[in-house]
C-alpha atoms as a PDB file:
ATOM      1  CA  MET A   1      51.914  78.582 121.307  1.00  0.00           C
ATOM      2  CA  ASP A   2      52.666  81.341 123.108  1.00  0.00           C
ATOM      3  CA  MET A   3      51.049  81.480 126.778  1.00  0.00           C
ATOM      4  CA  ALA A   4      50.165  85.110 126.080  1.00  0.00           C
ATOM      5  CA  ASP A   5      47.657  83.659 123.315  1.00  0.00           C
ATOM      6  CA  ILE A   6      45.656  81.608 125.853  1.00  0.00           C
ATOM      7  CA  LYS A   7      42.684  83.158 126.991  1.00  0.00           C
ATOM      8  CA  THR A   8      41.264  81.700 130.198  1.00  0.00           C
ATOM      9  CA  PRO A   9      37.279  82.067 129.735  1.00  0.00           C
ATOM     10  CA  ILE A  10      35.517  84.336 132.202  1.00  0.00           C
ATOM     11  CA  LEU A  11      32.934  81.565 132.614  1.00  0.00           C
ATOM     12  CA  GLU A  12      33.075  77.981 132.788  1.00  0.00           C
ATOM     13  CA  VAL A  13      30.121  76.076 133.483  1.00  0.00           C
ATOM     14  CA  ASN A  14      30.897  72.153 133.561  1.00  0.00           C
ATOM     15  CA  ASN A  15      28.358  69.457 133.632  1.00  0.00           C
ATOM     16  CA  LEU A  16      25.568  71.311 135.362  1.00  0.00           C
ATOM     17  CA  SER A  17      22.238  69.449 136.518  1.00  0.00           C
ATOM     18  CA  LYS A  18      19.340  70.600 138.017  1.00  0.00           C
ATOM     19  CA  ARG A  19      16.166  68.504 139.403  1.00  0.00           C
ATOM     20  CA  PHE A  20      13.061  69.572 141.111  1.00  0.00           C
ATOM     21  CA  GLY A  21      11.721  66.161 142.836  1.00  0.00           C
ATOM     22  CA  LYS A  22      11.140  63.770 139.975  1.00  0.00           C
ATOM     23  CA  VAL A  23      11.857  66.423 137.208  1.00  0.00           C
ATOM     24  CA  GLU A  24      14.991  66.913 135.589  1.00  0.00           C
ATOM     25  CA  VAL A  25      14.805  70.893 134.487  1.00  0.00           C
ATOM     26  CA  PHE A  26      18.193  70.177 132.483  1.00  0.00           C
ATOM     27  CA  LYS A  27      21.352  67.675 132.326  1.00  0.00           C
ATOM     28  CA  ASP A  28      25.038  68.020 131.627  1.00  0.00           C
ATOM     29  CA  ILE A  29      25.090  71.592 130.396  1.00  0.00           C
ATOM     30  CA  SER A  30      28.833  72.546 129.539  1.00  0.00           C
ATOM     31  CA  PHE A  31      29.665  76.104 127.968  1.00  0.00           C
ATOM     32  CA  ALA A  32      32.065  78.520 128.415  1.00  0.00           C
ATOM     33  CA  MET A  33      32.621  82.169 127.547  1.00  0.00           C
ATOM     34  CA  GLU A  34      35.476  84.588 126.912  1.00  0.00           C
ATOM     35  CA  LYS A  35      35.340  88.210 128.223  1.00  0.00           C
ATOM     36  CA  GLY A  36      33.115  90.800 125.763  1.00  0.00           C
ATOM     37  CA  ALA A  37      31.479  87.636 124.308  1.00  0.00           C
ATOM     38  CA  VAL A  38      27.246  87.428 124.127  1.00  0.00           C
ATOM     39  CA  MET A  39      25.742  84.093 123.996  1.00  0.00           C
ATOM     40  CA  ALA A  40      21.978  83.801 123.582  1.00  0.00           C
ATOM     41  CA  LEU A  41      19.983  80.919 124.496  1.00  0.00           C
ATOM     42  CA  ILE A  42      16.957  79.950 122.928  1.00  0.00           C
ATOM     43  CA  GLY A  43      14.252  77.361 122.956  1.00  0.00           C
ATOM     44  CA  SER A  44      10.859  76.612 123.979  1.00  0.00           C
ATOM     45  CA  SER A  45       9.473  77.328 126.865  1.00  0.00           C
ATOM     46  CA  GLY A  46      10.012  74.857 129.691  1.00  0.00           C
ATOM     47  CA  SER A  47      13.410  73.632 128.379  1.00  0.00           C
ATOM     48  CA  GLY A  48      15.493  74.982 131.395  1.00  0.00           C
ATOM     49  CA  LYS A  49      16.859  78.215 130.300  1.00  0.00           C
ATOM     50  CA  THR A  50      15.316  80.191 133.231  1.00  0.00           C
ATOM     51  CA  THR A  51      16.528  77.898 135.686  1.00  0.00           C
ATOM     52  CA  LEU A  52      19.798  77.644 134.253  1.00  0.00           C
ATOM     53  CA  LEU A  53      19.946  81.663 135.035  1.00  0.00           C
ATOM     54  CA  ARG A  54      18.825  81.398 138.481  1.00  0.00           C
ATOM     55  CA  CYS A  55      21.502  78.516 139.026  1.00  0.00           C
ATOM     56  CA  LEU A  56      24.552  80.542 137.584  1.00  0.00           C
ATOM     57  CA  ASN A  57      23.057  83.481 139.762  1.00  0.00           C
ATOM     58  CA  PHE A  58      22.615  81.064 142.535  1.00  0.00           C
ATOM     59  CA  LEU A  59      19.338  81.792 142.905  1.00  0.00           C
ATOM     60  CA  GLU A  60      18.711  77.892 142.896  1.00  0.00           C
ATOM     61  CA  THR A  61      21.200  75.213 143.630  1.00  0.00           C
ATOM     62  CA  PRO A  62      22.574  72.870 140.822  1.00  0.00           C
ATOM     63  CA  ASP A  63      22.692  69.139 141.833  1.00  0.00           C
ATOM     64  CA  HIS A  64      25.563  68.645 139.939  1.00  0.00           C
ATOM     65  CA  GLY A  65      28.362  70.229 138.126  1.00  0.00           C
ATOM     66  CA  ARG A  66      30.465  73.157 138.676  1.00  0.00           C
ATOM     67  CA  ILE A  67      30.462  76.796 137.812  1.00  0.00           C
ATOM     68  CA  SER A  68      33.877  78.844 137.402  1.00  0.00           C
ATOM     69  CA  VAL A  69      34.406  82.774 136.856  1.00  0.00           C
ATOM     70  CA  HIS A  70      38.068  84.012 135.871  1.00  0.00           C
ATOM     71  CA  GLY A  71      39.289  80.343 136.617  1.00  0.00           C
ATOM     72  CA  ASN A  72      37.967  80.189 140.074  1.00  0.00           C
ATOM     73  CA  CYS A  73      35.911  77.860 141.259  1.00  0.00           C
ATOM     74  CA  LEU A  74      32.552  79.147 142.665  1.00  0.00           C
ATOM     75  CA  PHE A  75      30.139  76.212 143.016  1.00  0.00           C
ATOM     76  CA  ASP A  76      31.112  72.703 143.039  1.00  0.00           C
ATOM     77  CA  ALA A  77      28.324  70.108 143.539  1.00  0.00           C
ATOM     78  CA  ASP A  78      31.088  67.795 145.133  1.00  0.00           C
ATOM     79  CA  ASP A  79      32.700  70.447 147.259  1.00  0.00           C
ATOM     80  CA  HIS A  80      30.317  71.342 149.964  1.00  0.00           C
ATOM     81  CA  SER A  81      32.645  74.198 150.966  1.00  0.00           C
ATOM     82  CA  THR A  82      31.339  75.760 147.818  1.00  0.00           C
ATOM     83  CA  HIS A  83      27.595  75.582 149.173  1.00  0.00           C
ATOM     84  CA  GLN A  84      27.978  78.020 152.218  1.00  0.00           C
ATOM     85  CA  GLU A  85      25.269  80.566 152.486  1.00  0.00           C
ATOM     86  CA  LYS A  86      27.314  82.924 153.874  1.00  0.00           C
ATOM     87  CA  ASP A  87      29.158  83.199 150.619  1.00  0.00           C
ATOM     88  CA  ILE A  88      26.259  83.026 148.029  1.00  0.00           C
ATOM     89  CA  ARG A  89      25.896  86.542 148.073  1.00  0.00           C
ATOM     90  CA  HIS A  90      28.865  87.655 147.116  1.00  0.00           C
ATOM     91  CA  LYS A  91      29.275  84.962 144.856  1.00  0.00           C
ATOM     92  CA  ARG A  92      26.533  86.640 142.780  1.00  0.00           C
ATOM     93  CA  LEU A  93      28.186  89.755 142.407  1.00  0.00           C
ATOM     94  CA  HIS A  94      29.846  88.261 139.805  1.00  0.00           C
ATOM     95  CA  PHE A  95      26.365  87.742 137.961  1.00  0.00           C
ATOM     96  CA  GLY A  96      24.120  90.619 137.411  1.00  0.00           C
ATOM     97  CA  LEU A  97      20.195  89.609 136.426  1.00  0.00           C
ATOM     98  CA  VAL A  98      17.625  91.592 134.969  1.00  0.00           C
ATOM     99  CA  PHE A  99      14.436  89.790 135.080  1.00  0.00           C
ATOM    100  CA  GLN A 100      11.456  89.542 132.217  1.00  0.00           C
ATOM    101  CA  SER A 101       9.014  91.403 134.912  1.00  0.00           C
ATOM    102  CA  PHE A 102      11.779  94.246 135.878  1.00  0.00           C
ATOM    103  CA  ASN A 103      11.237  93.189 139.462  1.00  0.00           C
ATOM    104  CA  LEU A 104      11.794  97.384 140.546  1.00  0.00           C
ATOM    105  CA  PHE A 105      11.187  98.125 144.403  1.00  0.00           C
ATOM    106  CA  PRO A 106       7.732 100.377 143.702  1.00  0.00           C
ATOM    107  CA  GLN A 107       8.334 102.555 146.946  1.00  0.00           C
ATOM    108  CA  TYR A 108      11.898 103.737 145.293  1.00  0.00           C
ATOM    109  CA  SER A 109      12.686 105.964 142.744  1.00  0.00           C
ATOM    110  CA  ALA A 110      14.785 104.887 139.631  1.00  0.00           C
ATOM    111  CA  LEU A 111      17.940 106.226 140.995  1.00  0.00           C
ATOM    112  CA  ARG A 112      17.164 104.881 144.266  1.00  0.00           C
ATOM    113  CA  ASN A 113      16.559 100.906 142.837  1.00  0.00           C
ATOM    114  CA  VAL A 114      19.908 101.686 141.221  1.00  0.00           C
ATOM    115  CA  THR A 115      22.311 102.793 144.353  1.00  0.00           C
ATOM    116  CA  LEU A 116      20.352 100.599 147.213  1.00  0.00           C
ATOM    117  CA  ALA A 117      22.774  97.361 146.199  1.00  0.00           C
ATOM    118  CA  THR A 118      25.551  99.214 146.176  1.00  0.00           C
ATOM    119  CA  GLU A 119      24.915 101.279 149.106  1.00  0.00           C
ATOM    120  CA  LEU A 120      24.346  98.081 151.163  1.00  0.00           C
ATOM    121  CA  LEU A 121      27.722  96.524 149.872  1.00  0.00           C
ATOM    122  CA  ALA A 122      29.854  99.912 150.387  1.00  0.00           C
ATOM    123  CA  LYS A 123      28.067  99.368 154.315  1.00  0.00           C
ATOM    124  CA  GLU A 124      30.685  96.199 154.472  1.00  0.00           C
ATOM    125  CA  GLN A 125      33.613  97.795 153.435  1.00  0.00           C
ATOM    126  CA  PRO A 126      36.418  99.009 156.384  1.00  0.00           C
ATOM    127  CA  GLY A 127      36.621 102.205 155.645  1.00  0.00           C
ATOM    128  CA  TYR A 128      32.623 103.052 155.562  1.00  0.00           C
ATOM    129  CA  ARG A 129      32.287 105.118 158.523  1.00  0.00           C
ATOM    130  CA  THR A 130      35.137 107.627 157.730  1.00  0.00           C
ATOM    131  CA  GLY A 131      34.473 107.431 153.983  1.00  0.00           C
ATOM    132  CA  LYS A 132      31.066 107.386 154.057  1.00  0.00           C
ATOM    133  CA  GLY A 133      30.231 110.901 152.333  1.00  0.00           C
ATOM    134  CA  GLN A 134      32.292 110.424 149.532  1.00  0.00           C
ATOM    135  CA  MET A 135      31.385 106.819 148.845  1.00  0.00           C
ATOM    136  CA  ILE A 136      27.633 107.927 148.717  1.00  0.00           C
ATOM    137  CA  LYS A 137      28.264 110.313 146.392  1.00  0.00           C
ATOM    138  CA  ASP A 138      30.534 108.180 144.203  1.00  0.00           C
ATOM    139  CA  ILE A 139      27.530 105.798 144.331  1.00  0.00           C
ATOM    140  CA  ARG A 140      24.938 108.152 143.136  1.00  0.00           C
ATOM    141  CA  GLU A 141      27.576 109.587 140.370  1.00  0.00           C
ATOM    142  CA  ARG A 142      27.781 106.049 138.913  1.00  0.00           C
ATOM    143  CA  ALA A 143      23.915 105.519 139.374  1.00  0.00           C
ATOM    144  CA  GLU A 144      22.934 108.733 137.289  1.00  0.00           C
ATOM    145  CA  HIS A 145      25.871 107.785 134.554  1.00  0.00           C
ATOM    146  CA  LEU A 146      24.524 104.340 134.392  1.00  0.00           C
ATOM    147  CA  LEU A 147      20.783 105.441 134.277  1.00  0.00           C
ATOM    148  CA  GLU A 148      21.828 108.340 131.524  1.00  0.00           C
ATOM    149  CA  GLN A 149      23.404 105.075 129.512  1.00  0.00           C
ATOM    150  CA  VAL A 150      20.228 103.457 129.084  1.00  0.00           C
ATOM    151  CA  GLY A 151      18.441 106.874 128.383  1.00  0.00           C
ATOM    152  CA  LEU A 152      16.686 107.593 131.317  1.00  0.00           C
ATOM    153  CA  SER A 153      18.649 110.942 132.546  1.00  0.00           C
ATOM    154  CA  ASP A 154      15.747 112.799 132.940  1.00  0.00           C
ATOM    155  CA  LYS A 155      13.844 109.913 135.024  1.00  0.00           C
ATOM    156  CA  LEU A 156      15.964 109.950 138.204  1.00  0.00           C
ATOM    157  CA  ASN A 157      13.456 110.811 140.412  1.00  0.00           C
ATOM    158  CA  ASN A 158      10.450 109.030 138.909  1.00  0.00           C
ATOM    159  CA  TYR A 159       8.781 105.828 140.686  1.00  0.00           C
ATOM    160  CA  PRO A 160       8.172 102.674 138.664  1.00  0.00           C
ATOM    161  CA  HIS A 161       4.653 103.608 138.126  1.00  0.00           C
ATOM    162  CA  GLN A 162       5.495 106.765 136.320  1.00  0.00           C
ATOM    163  CA  LEU A 163       6.921 104.535 133.988  1.00  0.00           C
ATOM    164  CA  SER A 164       6.588 102.560 131.142  1.00  0.00           C
ATOM    165  CA  GLY A 165       7.736  98.908 130.971  1.00  0.00           C
ATOM    166  CA  GLY A 166      10.284  99.601 128.873  1.00  0.00           C
ATOM    167  CA  GLN A 167      11.861 102.360 130.915  1.00  0.00           C
ATOM    168  CA  GLN A 168      11.512  99.980 134.249  1.00  0.00           C
ATOM    169  CA  GLN A 169      13.325  97.351 132.240  1.00  0.00           C
ATOM    170  CA  ARG A 170      15.876  99.779 131.271  1.00  0.00           C
ATOM    171  CA  VAL A 171      16.089 101.016 135.197  1.00  0.00           C
ATOM    172  CA  ALA A 172      16.732  97.391 135.892  1.00  0.00           C
ATOM    173  CA  ILE A 173      19.405  96.973 133.740  1.00  0.00           C
ATOM    174  CA  ALA A 174      21.286  99.986 135.278  1.00  0.00           C
ATOM    175  CA  ARG A 175      20.586  98.180 138.424  1.00  0.00           C
ATOM    176  CA  ALA A 176      22.370  94.863 137.382  1.00  0.00           C
ATOM    177  CA  LEU A 177      25.186  97.125 136.144  1.00  0.00           C
ATOM    178  CA  ALA A 178      25.575  98.937 139.362  1.00  0.00           C
ATOM    179  CA  VAL A 179      27.361  96.099 140.971  1.00  0.00           C
ATOM    180  CA  ASN A 180      29.772  95.882 137.963  1.00  0.00           C
ATOM    181  CA  PRO A 181      29.130  92.290 137.472  1.00  0.00           C
ATOM    182  CA  ASP A 182      31.592  89.897 135.144  1.00  0.00           C
ATOM    183  CA  ILE A 183      28.536  88.496 133.591  1.00  0.00           C
ATOM    184  CA  LEU A 184      25.290  89.971 132.824  1.00  0.00           C
ATOM    185  CA  CYS A 185      22.628  88.038 132.560  1.00  0.00           C
ATOM    186  CA  PHE A 186      18.959  88.648 131.072  1.00  0.00           C
ATOM    187  CA  ASP A 187      15.877  86.761 130.875  1.00  0.00           C
ATOM    188  CA  GLU A 188      13.583  87.158 128.136  1.00  0.00           C
ATOM    189  CA  PRO A 189      14.115  90.802 128.899  1.00  0.00           C
ATOM    190  CA  THR A 190      11.561  91.794 126.466  1.00  0.00           C
ATOM    191  CA  SER A 191       8.545  89.389 126.798  1.00  0.00           C
ATOM    192  CA  ALA A 192       6.573  91.294 129.485  1.00  0.00           C
ATOM    193  CA  LEU A 193       6.523  94.524 126.913  1.00  0.00           C
ATOM    194  CA  ASP A 194       4.474  95.340 124.424  1.00  0.00           C
ATOM    195  CA  PRO A 195       5.685  95.364 120.932  1.00  0.00           C
ATOM    196  CA  GLU A 196       6.300  99.147 120.282  1.00  0.00           C
ATOM    197  CA  LEU A 197       8.258  99.084 123.918  1.00  0.00           C
ATOM    198  CA  THR A 198      10.896  95.592 122.735  1.00  0.00           C
ATOM    199  CA  GLY A 199      12.720  98.211 120.449  1.00  0.00           C
ATOM    200  CA  GLU A 200      14.496 100.672 123.346  1.00  0.00           C
ATOM    201  CA  VAL A 201      15.426  97.692 125.788  1.00  0.00           C
ATOM    202  CA  LEU A 202      16.917  95.564 122.586  1.00  0.00           C
ATOM    203  CA  LYS A 203      18.608  98.683 121.881  1.00  0.00           C
ATOM    204  CA  VAL A 204      20.216  99.418 124.998  1.00  0.00           C
ATOM    205  CA  ILE A 205      21.476  95.445 124.981  1.00  0.00           C
ATOM    206  CA  GLN A 206      23.100  96.062 121.888  1.00  0.00           C
ATOM    207  CA  SER A 207      24.970  99.502 123.139  1.00  0.00           C
ATOM    208  CA  LEU A 208      26.370  96.995 126.038  1.00  0.00           C
ATOM    209  CA  ALA A 209      27.219  94.538 123.310  1.00  0.00           C
ATOM    210  CA  ASP A 210      29.186  97.167 121.294  1.00  0.00           C
ATOM    211  CA  LEU A 211      30.881  98.059 124.994  1.00  0.00           C
ATOM    212  CA  ASN A 212      32.257  94.379 125.048  1.00  0.00           C
ATOM    213  CA  THR A 213      29.993  93.766 127.936  1.00  0.00           C
ATOM    214  CA  THR A 214      29.951  89.627 128.416  1.00  0.00           C
ATOM    215  CA  MET A 215      26.381  89.064 128.373  1.00  0.00           C
ATOM    216  CA  LEU A 216      24.295  85.525 128.529  1.00  0.00           C
ATOM    217  CA  ILE A 217      20.736  86.303 126.916  1.00  0.00           C
ATOM    218  CA  VAL A 218      17.871  84.425 127.268  1.00  0.00           C
ATOM    219  CA  THR A 219      15.695  85.161 124.429  1.00  0.00           C
ATOM    220  CA  HIS A 220      12.955  84.502 121.951  1.00  0.00           C
ATOM    221  CA  GLU A 221      13.906  87.436 119.622  1.00  0.00           C
ATOM    222  CA  MET A 222      15.725  85.429 116.895  1.00  0.00           C
ATOM    223  CA  SER A 223      16.521  88.352 114.680  1.00  0.00           C
ATOM    224  CA  PHE A 224      17.842  90.099 117.912  1.00  0.00           C
ATOM    225  CA  ALA A 225      19.725  86.685 118.706  1.00  0.00           C
ATOM    226  CA  ARG A 226      21.326  86.989 115.232  1.00  0.00           C
ATOM    227  CA  ASP A 227      22.562  90.184 115.152  1.00  0.00           C
ATOM    228  CA  VAL A 228      23.796  90.532 118.595  1.00  0.00           C
ATOM    229  CA  ALA A 229      25.122  87.260 119.544  1.00  0.00           C
ATOM    230  CA  ASP A 230      28.577  85.593 119.080  1.00  0.00           C
ATOM    231  CA  THR A 231      27.252  81.966 119.974  1.00  0.00           C
ATOM    232  CA  VAL A 232      23.467  80.746 120.090  1.00  0.00           C
ATOM    233  CA  ALA A 233      23.209  78.048 122.285  1.00  0.00           C
ATOM    234  CA  PHE A 234      19.567  75.924 121.297  1.00  0.00           C
ATOM    235  CA  MET A 235      17.960  74.176 124.757  1.00  0.00           C
ATOM    236  CA  ASP A 236      15.468  71.152 124.351  1.00  0.00           C
ATOM    237  CA  SER A 237      14.159  69.272 126.916  1.00  0.00           C
ATOM    238  CA  GLY A 238      17.079  70.369 129.737  1.00  0.00           C
ATOM    239  CA  SER A 239      20.021  69.822 127.275  1.00  0.00           C
ATOM    240  CA  ILE A 240      22.092  71.835 124.596  1.00  0.00           C
ATOM    241  CA  VAL A 241      21.357  69.984 121.311  1.00  0.00           C
ATOM    242  CA  GLU A 242      23.277  72.622 119.035  1.00  0.00           C
ATOM    243  CA  GLN A 243      25.379  75.312 119.834  1.00  0.00           C
ATOM    244  CA  GLY A 244      27.666  77.559 117.343  1.00  0.00           C
ATOM    245  CA  PRO A 245      27.417  80.499 115.605  1.00  0.00           C
ATOM    246  CA  PRO A 246      24.028  82.691 114.749  1.00  0.00           C
ATOM    247  CA  SER A 247      25.144  81.836 111.269  1.00  0.00           C
ATOM    248  CA  GLN A 248      25.277  78.255 111.850  1.00  0.00           C
ATOM    249  CA  VAL A 249      22.303  77.959 114.803  1.00  0.00           C
ATOM    250  CA  ILE A 250      19.858  80.371 113.395  1.00  0.00           C
ATOM    251  CA  SER A 251      20.507  80.567 109.793  1.00  0.00           C
ATOM    252  CA  ASN A 252      21.538  77.173 108.445  1.00  0.00           C
ATOM    253  CA  PRO A 253      21.245  74.411 111.464  1.00  0.00           C
ATOM    254  CA  LYS A 254      22.909  71.372 111.623  1.00  0.00           C
ATOM    255  CA  GLU A 255      20.457  69.429 114.031  1.00  0.00           C
ATOM    256  CA  ALA A 256      16.856  68.151 112.997  1.00  0.00           C
ATOM    257  CA  ARG A 257      15.427  69.475 115.995  1.00  0.00           C
ATOM    258  CA  THR A 258      16.767  73.156 116.092  1.00  0.00           C
ATOM    259  CA  ARG A 259      14.904  72.793 112.622  1.00  0.00           C
ATOM    260  CA  GLN A 260      11.631  71.940 113.432  1.00  0.00           C
ATOM    261  CA  PHE A 261      11.926  74.546 116.693  1.00  0.00           C
ATOM    262  CA  LEU A 262      13.235  77.460 114.655  1.00  0.00           C
ATOM    263  CA  GLU A 263      10.223  76.519 111.580  1.00  0.00           C
ATOM    264  CA  ARG A 264       7.454  76.346 114.490  1.00  0.00           C
ATOM    265  CA  TYR A 265       8.527  79.593 115.894  1.00  0.00           C
ATOM    266  CA  LEU A 266       9.267  81.641 113.096  1.00  0.00           C
ATOM    267  CA  GLY A 267       6.439  80.381 111.005  1.00  0.00           C
ATOM    268  CA  ASN A 268       4.065  81.627 114.791  1.00  0.00           C
ATOM    269  CA  SER A 269       6.402  84.603 114.902  1.00  0.00           C
END
């Protein structure tokens, strides 16, 4: 095989486990994603999906396992040099996380919510003092472009309380994109929205998929997962029970537990 044909996954998760006290949230989770892929995580509440995202974003520390991005190890439970707090913030930059409850800063405009993190990062650059003006200008222009990309070019100066839930979530997506993450993570991005606002957020996520944005999405929107994801992973009781293309996992699941979940969930939808 030509070495050029061998692709290094953008994200590799190996045997990741996490517990809180005596409660094992998930165990031995392993998967890999190539650049531009979209993976949907489905499963009942309490199956470990959100905690998995939090571990990938270094908001929680796994007990076992390894996380690598572009072949570089970011976390290894057996290598405590990868646990250094001073490095965690920079490791988080590989991931963008969009929370289900938006988590915007209420005292800042939509534009300021998007520029804040990148301005703080710019201050750490060696040439910040001499190039501050141009850096701030570039950051603002990129933020304006991202807000236009999510359909909010007319809401730059609006504050969160002046925006609908769907608009706030779209600001949160633009904010996550602003730091140029390798993998964009969504934690049930429509669960806090009224049904009529869900479509506008899903449309933005679909547009990102069309742009080959690498995304890991925790969702209860089965039809959306079927349409947008390259891979669907069904989690139950802290384990990945079944993983594969949507045509298999959602439309023709092999595992009895997957079928039971889908029958119950779709039956109650």
